Amino acid sequence: MQQVSKEPATKTPVKDTANLTEDEKAAVKKAVETANPSATKVEVGQDGTTTVTFPDGSEATLKPAQTVVKS
C-alpha cells in the first residue's frame, strides 16, 4: 500500500524558493521528519521538493509549496 507523507505543520521560510541553502534544507528535513516519524529517509531537493521513504520501501513526494515559503 502506498504511504502518504504528511506535510509539515508549518512551512520553512527560505530566502530563495528555487535555491535552498544547506541550512534551509536541514530545517525542511527536520520539519518533514517531525511530521512523518515513521520515515526511514528524507531527501530535500534544491527547490524544497522532498522525497520521504517509509519502512516498507514506498516513497512519497512533497512539492515545494508543501514544505517552504518565501521569507
PDB file of N, CA and C in Angstrom:
ATOM      1  N   MET A   1       0.844  -1.200   0.000  1.00  0.00           N
ATOM      2  CA  MET A   1       0.000   0.000   0.000  1.00  0.00           C
ATOM      3  C   MET A   1       0.879   1.249   0.000  1.00  0.00           C
ATOM      4  N   GLN A   2       0.542   2.199  -0.816  1.00  0.00           N
ATOM      5  CA  GLN A   2       1.304   3.444  -0.916  1.00  0.00           C
ATOM      6  C   GLN A   2       1.141   4.276   0.350  1.00  0.00           C
ATOM      7  N   GLN A   3       2.259   4.647   0.936  1.00  0.00           N
ATOM      8  CA  GLN A   3       2.238   5.516   2.110  1.00  0.00           C
ATOM      9  C   GLN A   3       1.974   6.945   1.647  1.00  0.00           C
ATOM     10  N   VAL A   4       1.390   7.723   2.506  1.00  0.00           N
ATOM     11  CA  VAL A   4       1.159   9.130   2.216  1.00  0.00           C
ATOM     12  C   VAL A   4       1.952   9.936   3.222  1.00  0.00           C
ATOM     13  N   SER A   5       2.818  10.791   2.704  1.00  0.00           N
ATOM     14  CA  SER A   5       3.602  11.615   3.623  1.00  0.00           C
ATOM     15  C   SER A   5       2.770  12.819   4.052  1.00  0.00           C
ATOM     16  N   LYS A   6       2.976  13.200   5.279  1.00  0.00           N
ATOM     17  CA  LYS A   6       2.274  14.364   5.808  1.00  0.00           C
ATOM     18  C   LYS A   6       3.171  15.578   5.615  1.00  0.00           C
ATOM     19  N   GLU A   7       2.563  16.698   5.214  1.00  0.00           N
ATOM     20  CA  GLU A   7       3.368  17.906   5.112  1.00  0.00           C
ATOM     21  C   GLU A   7       3.575  18.489   6.505  1.00  0.00           C
ATOM     22  N   PRO A   8       4.674  19.217   6.682  1.00  0.00           N
ATOM     23  CA  PRO A   8       4.947  19.805   7.998  1.00  0.00           C
ATOM     24  C   PRO A   8       3.830  20.752   8.439  1.00  0.00           C
ATOM     25  N   ALA A   9       3.667  20.885   9.742  1.00  0.00           N
ATOM     26  CA  ALA A   9       2.632  21.771  10.294  1.00  0.00           C
ATOM     27  C   ALA A   9       2.880  23.213   9.861  1.00  0.00           C
ATOM     28  N   THR A  10       4.143  23.603   9.790  1.00  0.00           N
ATOM     29  CA  THR A  10       4.484  24.944   9.296  1.00  0.00           C
ATOM     30  C   THR A  10       5.539  24.815   8.211  1.00  0.00           C
ATOM     31  N   LYS A  11       5.410  25.650   7.204  1.00  0.00           N
ATOM     32  CA  LYS A  11       6.379  25.646   6.107  1.00  0.00           C
ATOM     33  C   LYS A  11       7.655  26.368   6.558  1.00  0.00           C
ATOM     34  N   THR A  12       8.779  25.925   6.048  1.00  0.00           N
ATOM     35  CA  THR A  12      10.063  26.528   6.391  1.00  0.00           C
ATOM     36  C   THR A  12      10.264  27.800   5.571  1.00  0.00           C
ATOM     37  N   PRO A  13      10.509  28.944   6.229  1.00  0.00           N
ATOM     38  CA  PRO A  13      10.771  30.172   5.469  1.00  0.00           C
ATOM     39  C   PRO A  13      12.163  30.137   4.844  1.00  0.00           C
ATOM     40  N   VAL A  14      12.241  30.449   3.552  1.00  0.00           N
ATOM     41  CA  VAL A  14      13.515  30.453   2.831  1.00  0.00           C
ATOM     42  C   VAL A  14      13.654  31.736   2.013  1.00  0.00           C
ATOM     43  N   LYS A  15      14.900  32.139   1.757  1.00  0.00           N
ATOM     44  CA  LYS A  15      15.140  33.373   1.000  1.00  0.00           C
ATOM     45  C   LYS A  15      14.823  33.205  -0.473  1.00  0.00           C
ATOM     46  N   ASP A  16      15.229  32.067  -1.053  1.00  0.00           N
ATOM     47  CA  ASP A  16      15.027  31.817  -2.483  1.00  0.00           C
ATOM     48  C   ASP A  16      14.417  30.429  -2.630  1.00  0.00           C
ATOM     49  N   THR A  17      13.138  30.372  -2.994  1.00  0.00           N
ATOM     50  CA  THR A  17      12.432  29.087  -3.048  1.00  0.00           C
ATOM     51  C   THR A  17      12.966  28.163  -4.146  1.00  0.00           C
ATOM     52  N   ALA A  18      13.762  28.681  -5.069  1.00  0.00           N
ATOM     53  CA  ALA A  18      14.326  27.844  -6.131  1.00  0.00           C
ATOM     54  C   ALA A  18      15.741  27.376  -5.802  1.00  0.00           C
ATOM     55  N   ASN A  19      16.320  27.910  -4.728  1.00  0.00           N
ATOM     56  CA  ASN A  19      17.717  27.604  -4.422  1.00  0.00           C
ATOM     57  C   ASN A  19      17.938  27.632  -2.914  1.00  0.00           C
ATOM     58  N   LEU A  20      17.561  26.538  -2.258  1.00  0.00           N
ATOM     59  CA  LEU A  20      17.688  26.471  -0.800  1.00  0.00           C
ATOM     60  C   LEU A  20      19.146  26.329  -0.380  1.00  0.00           C
ATOM     61  N   THR A  21      19.489  26.950   0.746  1.00  0.00           N
ATOM     62  CA  THR A  21      20.823  26.777   1.326  1.00  0.00           C
ATOM     63  C   THR A  21      20.852  25.441   2.063  1.00  0.00           C
ATOM     64  N   GLU A  22      22.038  25.003   2.455  1.00  0.00           N
ATOM     65  CA  GLU A  22      22.147  23.747   3.209  1.00  0.00           C
ATOM     66  C   GLU A  22      21.397  23.848   4.542  1.00  0.00           C
ATOM     67  N   ASP A  23      21.480  25.005   5.203  1.00  0.00           N
ATOM     68  CA  ASP A  23      20.770  25.196   6.472  1.00  0.00           C
ATOM     69  C   ASP A  23      19.256  25.114   6.272  1.00  0.00           C
ATOM     70  N   GLU A  24      18.769  25.720   5.185  1.00  0.00           N
ATOM     71  CA  GLU A  24      17.325  25.683   4.904  1.00  0.00           C
ATOM     72  C   GLU A  24      16.884  24.255   4.594  1.00  0.00           C
ATOM     73  N   LYS A  25      17.695  23.518   3.834  1.00  0.00           N
ATOM     74  CA  LYS A  25      17.364  22.118   3.537  1.00  0.00           C
ATOM     75  C   LYS A  25      17.299  21.303   4.833  1.00  0.00           C
ATOM     76  N   ALA A  26      18.237  21.559   5.744  1.00  0.00           N
ATOM     77  CA  ALA A  26      18.249  20.843   7.025  1.00  0.00           C
ATOM     78  C   ALA A  26      16.989  21.150   7.828  1.00  0.00           C
ATOM     79  N   ALA A  27      16.542  22.403   7.786  1.00  0.00           N
ATOM     80  CA  ALA A  27      15.329  22.794   8.510  1.00  0.00           C
ATOM     81  C   ALA A  27      14.099  22.120   7.904  1.00  0.00           C
ATOM     82  N   VAL A  28      14.045  22.059   6.570  1.00  0.00           N
ATOM     83  CA  VAL A  28      12.928  21.378   5.897  1.00  0.00           C
ATOM     84  C   VAL A  28      12.947  19.897   6.271  1.00  0.00           C
ATOM     85  N   LYS A  29      14.123  19.282   6.226  1.00  0.00           N
ATOM     86  CA  LYS A  29      14.250  17.856   6.554  1.00  0.00           C
ATOM     87  C   LYS A  29      13.750  17.582   7.965  1.00  0.00           C
ATOM     88  N   LYS A  30      14.162  18.409   8.912  1.00  0.00           N
ATOM     89  CA  LYS A  30      13.741  18.213  10.306  1.00  0.00           C
ATOM     90  C   LYS A  30      12.221  18.343  10.430  1.00  0.00           C
ATOM     91  N   ALA A  31      11.636  19.334   9.767  1.00  0.00           N
ATOM     92  CA  ALA A  31      10.186  19.542   9.829  1.00  0.00           C
ATOM     93  C   ALA A  31       9.436  18.356   9.230  1.00  0.00           C
ATOM     94  N   VAL A  32       9.934  17.842   8.112  1.00  0.00           N
ATOM     95  CA  VAL A  32       9.276  16.700   7.462  1.00  0.00           C
ATOM     96  C   VAL A  32       9.437  15.443   8.313  1.00  0.00           C
ATOM     97  N   GLU A  33      10.617  15.254   8.916  1.00  0.00           N
ATOM     98  CA  GLU A  33      10.813  14.097   9.797  1.00  0.00           C
ATOM     99  C   GLU A  33       9.881  14.159  11.005  1.00  0.00           C
ATOM    100  N   THR A  34       9.671  15.344  11.545  1.00  0.00           N
ATOM    101  CA  THR A  34       8.762  15.508  12.677  1.00  0.00           C
ATOM    102  C   THR A  34       7.323  15.150  12.275  1.00  0.00           C
ATOM    103  N   ALA A  35       6.930  15.548  11.060  1.00  0.00           N
ATOM    104  CA  ALA A  35       5.572  15.273  10.582  1.00  0.00           C
ATOM    105  C   ALA A  35       5.394  13.809  10.166  1.00  0.00           C
ATOM    106  N   ASN A  36       6.509  13.127   9.878  1.00  0.00           N
ATOM    107  CA  ASN A  36       6.467  11.738   9.411  1.00  0.00           C
ATOM    108  C   ASN A  36       7.430  10.884  10.235  1.00  0.00           C
ATOM    109  N   PRO A  37       7.076  10.620  11.497  1.00  0.00           N
ATOM    110  CA  PRO A  37       8.018   9.915  12.384  1.00  0.00           C
ATOM    111  C   PRO A  37       8.393   8.510  11.914  1.00  0.00           C
ATOM    112  N   SER A  38       7.589   7.889  11.071  1.00  0.00           N
ATOM    113  CA  SER A  38       7.917   6.533  10.607  1.00  0.00           C
ATOM    114  C   SER A  38       8.847   6.544   9.399  1.00  0.00           C
ATOM    115  N   ALA A  39       9.155   7.706   8.856  1.00  0.00           N
ATOM    116  CA  ALA A  39      10.025   7.787   7.677  1.00  0.00           C
ATOM    117  C   ALA A  39      11.406   7.233   7.992  1.00  0.00           C
ATOM    118  N   THR A  40      11.969   6.491   7.033  1.00  0.00           N
ATOM    119  CA  THR A  40      13.313   5.949   7.212  1.00  0.00           C
ATOM    120  C   THR A  40      14.345   6.825   6.514  1.00  0.00           C
ATOM    121  N   LYS A  41      13.889   7.667   5.574  1.00  0.00           N
ATOM    122  CA  LYS A  41      14.803   8.536   4.835  1.00  0.00           C
ATOM    123  C   LYS A  41      14.030   9.748   4.333  1.00  0.00           C
ATOM    124  N   VAL A  42      14.642  10.923   4.443  1.00  0.00           N
ATOM    125  CA  VAL A  42      14.041  12.159   3.937  1.00  0.00           C
ATOM    126  C   VAL A  42      15.116  12.884   3.132  1.00  0.00           C
ATOM    127  N   GLU A  43      14.814  13.145   1.853  1.00  0.00           N
ATOM    128  CA  GLU A  43      15.755  13.855   0.990  1.00  0.00           C
ATOM    129  C   GLU A  43      15.109  15.135   0.496  1.00  0.00           C
ATOM    130  N   VAL A  44      15.814  16.260   0.684  1.00  0.00           N
ATOM    131  CA  VAL A  44      15.291  17.563   0.286  1.00  0.00           C
ATOM    132  C   VAL A  44      16.062  18.055  -0.929  1.00  0.00           C
ATOM    133  N   GLY A  45      15.328  18.392  -1.993  1.00  0.00           N
ATOM    134  CA  GLY A  45      15.953  18.892  -3.210  1.00  0.00           C
ATOM    135  C   GLY A  45      16.251  20.383  -3.135  1.00  0.00           C
ATOM    136  N   GLN A  46      16.909  20.871  -4.163  1.00  0.00           N
ATOM    137  CA  GLN A  46      17.338  22.267  -4.216  1.00  0.00           C
ATOM    138  C   GLN A  46      16.177  23.251  -4.100  1.00  0.00           C
ATOM    139  N   ASP A  47      14.993  22.853  -4.590  1.00  0.00           N
ATOM    140  CA  ASP A  47      13.829  23.757  -4.577  1.00  0.00           C
ATOM    141  C   ASP A  47      12.837  23.437  -3.463  1.00  0.00           C
ATOM    142  N   GLY A  48      13.206  22.515  -2.560  1.00  0.00           N
ATOM    143  CA  GLY A  48      12.303  22.159  -1.470  1.00  0.00           C
ATOM    144  C   GLY A  48      11.461  20.932  -1.737  1.00  0.00           C
ATOM    145  N   THR A  49      11.530  20.378  -2.964  1.00  0.00           N
ATOM    146  CA  THR A  49      10.846  19.118  -3.228  1.00  0.00           C
ATOM    147  C   THR A  49      11.451  18.076  -2.302  1.00  0.00           C
ATOM    148  N   THR A  50      10.608  17.349  -1.593  1.00  0.00           N
ATOM    149  CA  THR A  50      11.100  16.425  -0.582  1.00  0.00           C
ATOM    150  C   THR A  50      10.561  15.023  -0.828  1.00  0.00           C
ATOM    151  N   THR A  51      11.472  14.055  -0.859  1.00  0.00           N
ATOM    152  CA  THR A  51      11.095  12.660  -1.027  1.00  0.00           C
ATOM    153  C   THR A  51      11.204  11.968   0.328  1.00  0.00           C
ATOM    154  N   VAL A  52      10.122  11.324   0.726  1.00  0.00           N
ATOM    155  CA  VAL A  52      10.054  10.625   2.012  1.00  0.00           C
ATOM    156  C   VAL A  52       9.982   9.125   1.729  1.00  0.00           C
ATOM    157  N   THR A  53      10.886   8.366   2.352  1.00  0.00           N
ATOM    158  CA  THR A  53      10.887   6.907   2.204  1.00  0.00           C
ATOM    159  C   THR A  53      10.407   6.281   3.514  1.00  0.00           C
ATOM    160  N   PHE A  54       9.537   5.269   3.383  1.00  0.00           N
ATOM    161  CA  PHE A  54       8.943   4.605   4.533  1.00  0.00           C
ATOM    162  C   PHE A  54       9.535   3.207   4.719  1.00  0.00           C
ATOM    163  N   PRO A  55       9.321   2.601   5.895  1.00  0.00           N
ATOM    164  CA  PRO A  55       9.918   1.286   6.190  1.00  0.00           C
ATOM    165  C   PRO A  55       9.604   0.203   5.154  1.00  0.00           C
ATOM    166  N   ASP A  56       8.450   0.281   4.497  1.00  0.00           N
ATOM    167  CA  ASP A  56       8.100  -0.751   3.509  1.00  0.00           C
ATOM    168  C   ASP A  56       8.741  -0.488   2.150  1.00  0.00           C
ATOM    169  N   GLY A  57       9.560   0.579   2.061  1.00  0.00           N
ATOM    170  CA  GLY A  57      10.249   0.888   0.813  1.00  0.00           C
ATOM    171  C   GLY A  57       9.487   1.834  -0.100  1.00  0.00           C
ATOM    172  N   SER A  58       8.235   2.134   0.243  1.00  0.00           N
ATOM    173  CA  SER A  58       7.468   3.051  -0.587  1.00  0.00           C
ATOM    174  C   SER A  58       7.971   4.480  -0.375  1.00  0.00           C
ATOM    175  N   GLU A  59       7.744   5.308  -1.393  1.00  0.00           N
ATOM    176  CA  GLU A  59       8.160   6.703  -1.315  1.00  0.00           C
ATOM    177  C   GLU A  59       6.979   7.618  -1.600  1.00  0.00           C
ATOM    178  N   ALA A  60       7.047   8.803  -1.025  1.00  0.00           N
ATOM    179  CA  ALA A  60       6.054   9.834  -1.303  1.00  0.00           C
ATOM    180  C   ALA A  60       6.818  11.137  -1.495  1.00  0.00           C
ATOM    181  N   THR A  61       6.275  12.003  -2.332  1.00  0.00           N
ATOM    182  CA  THR A  61       6.952  13.261  -2.627  1.00  0.00           C
ATOM    183  C   THR A  61       6.094  14.435  -2.187  1.00  0.00           C
ATOM    184  N   LEU A  62       6.735  15.363  -1.495  1.00  0.00           N
ATOM    185  CA  LEU A  62       6.084  16.622  -1.122  1.00  0.00           C
ATOM    186  C   LEU A  62       6.588  17.696  -2.071  1.00  0.00           C
ATOM    187  N   LYS A  63       5.665  18.472  -2.611  1.00  0.00           N
ATOM    188  CA  LYS A  63       6.035  19.559  -3.521  1.00  0.00           C
ATOM    189  C   LYS A  63       6.561  20.753  -2.696  1.00  0.00           C
ATOM    190  N   PRO A  64       7.337  21.638  -3.338  1.00  0.00           N
ATOM    191  CA  PRO A  64       7.857  22.800  -2.613  1.00  0.00           C
ATOM    192  C   PRO A  64       6.774  23.623  -1.903  1.00  0.00           C
ATOM    193  N   ALA A  65       5.606  23.749  -2.511  1.00  0.00           N
ATOM    194  CA  ALA A  65       4.514  24.529  -1.900  1.00  0.00           C
ATOM    195  C   ALA A  65       4.070  23.928  -0.566  1.00  0.00           C
ATOM    196  N   GLN A  66       4.391  22.643  -0.336  1.00  0.00           N
ATOM    197  CA  GLN A  66       4.018  21.963   0.901  1.00  0.00           C
ATOM    198  C   GLN A  66       5.104  22.079   1.983  1.00  0.00           C
ATOM    199  N   THR A  67       6.308  22.499   1.593  1.00  0.00           N
ATOM    200  CA  THR A  67       7.418  22.475   2.541  1.00  0.00           C
ATOM    201  C   THR A  67       8.058  23.843   2.821  1.00  0.00           C
ATOM    202  N   VAL A  68       8.036  24.725   1.835  1.00  0.00           N
ATOM    203  CA  VAL A  68       8.726  26.013   2.008  1.00  0.00           C
ATOM    204  C   VAL A  68       7.842  27.190   1.648  1.00  0.00           C
ATOM    205  N   VAL A  69       8.217  28.353   2.183  1.00  0.00           N
ATOM    206  CA  VAL A  69       7.536  29.600   1.865  1.00  0.00           C
ATOM    207  C   VAL A  69       8.599  30.695   1.792  1.00  0.00           C
ATOM    208  N   LYS A  70       8.441  31.608   0.869  1.00  0.00           N
ATOM    209  CA  LYS A  70       9.418  32.691   0.739  1.00  0.00           C
ATOM    210  C   LYS A  70       9.368  33.577   1.967  1.00  0.00           C
ATOM    211  N   SER A  71      10.544  33.843   2.539  1.00  0.00           N
ATOM    212  CA  SER A  71      10.586  34.665   3.763  1.00  0.00           C
ATOM    213  C   SER A  71      10.645  36.133   3.437  1.00  0.00           C
TER     214      SER A  71
END
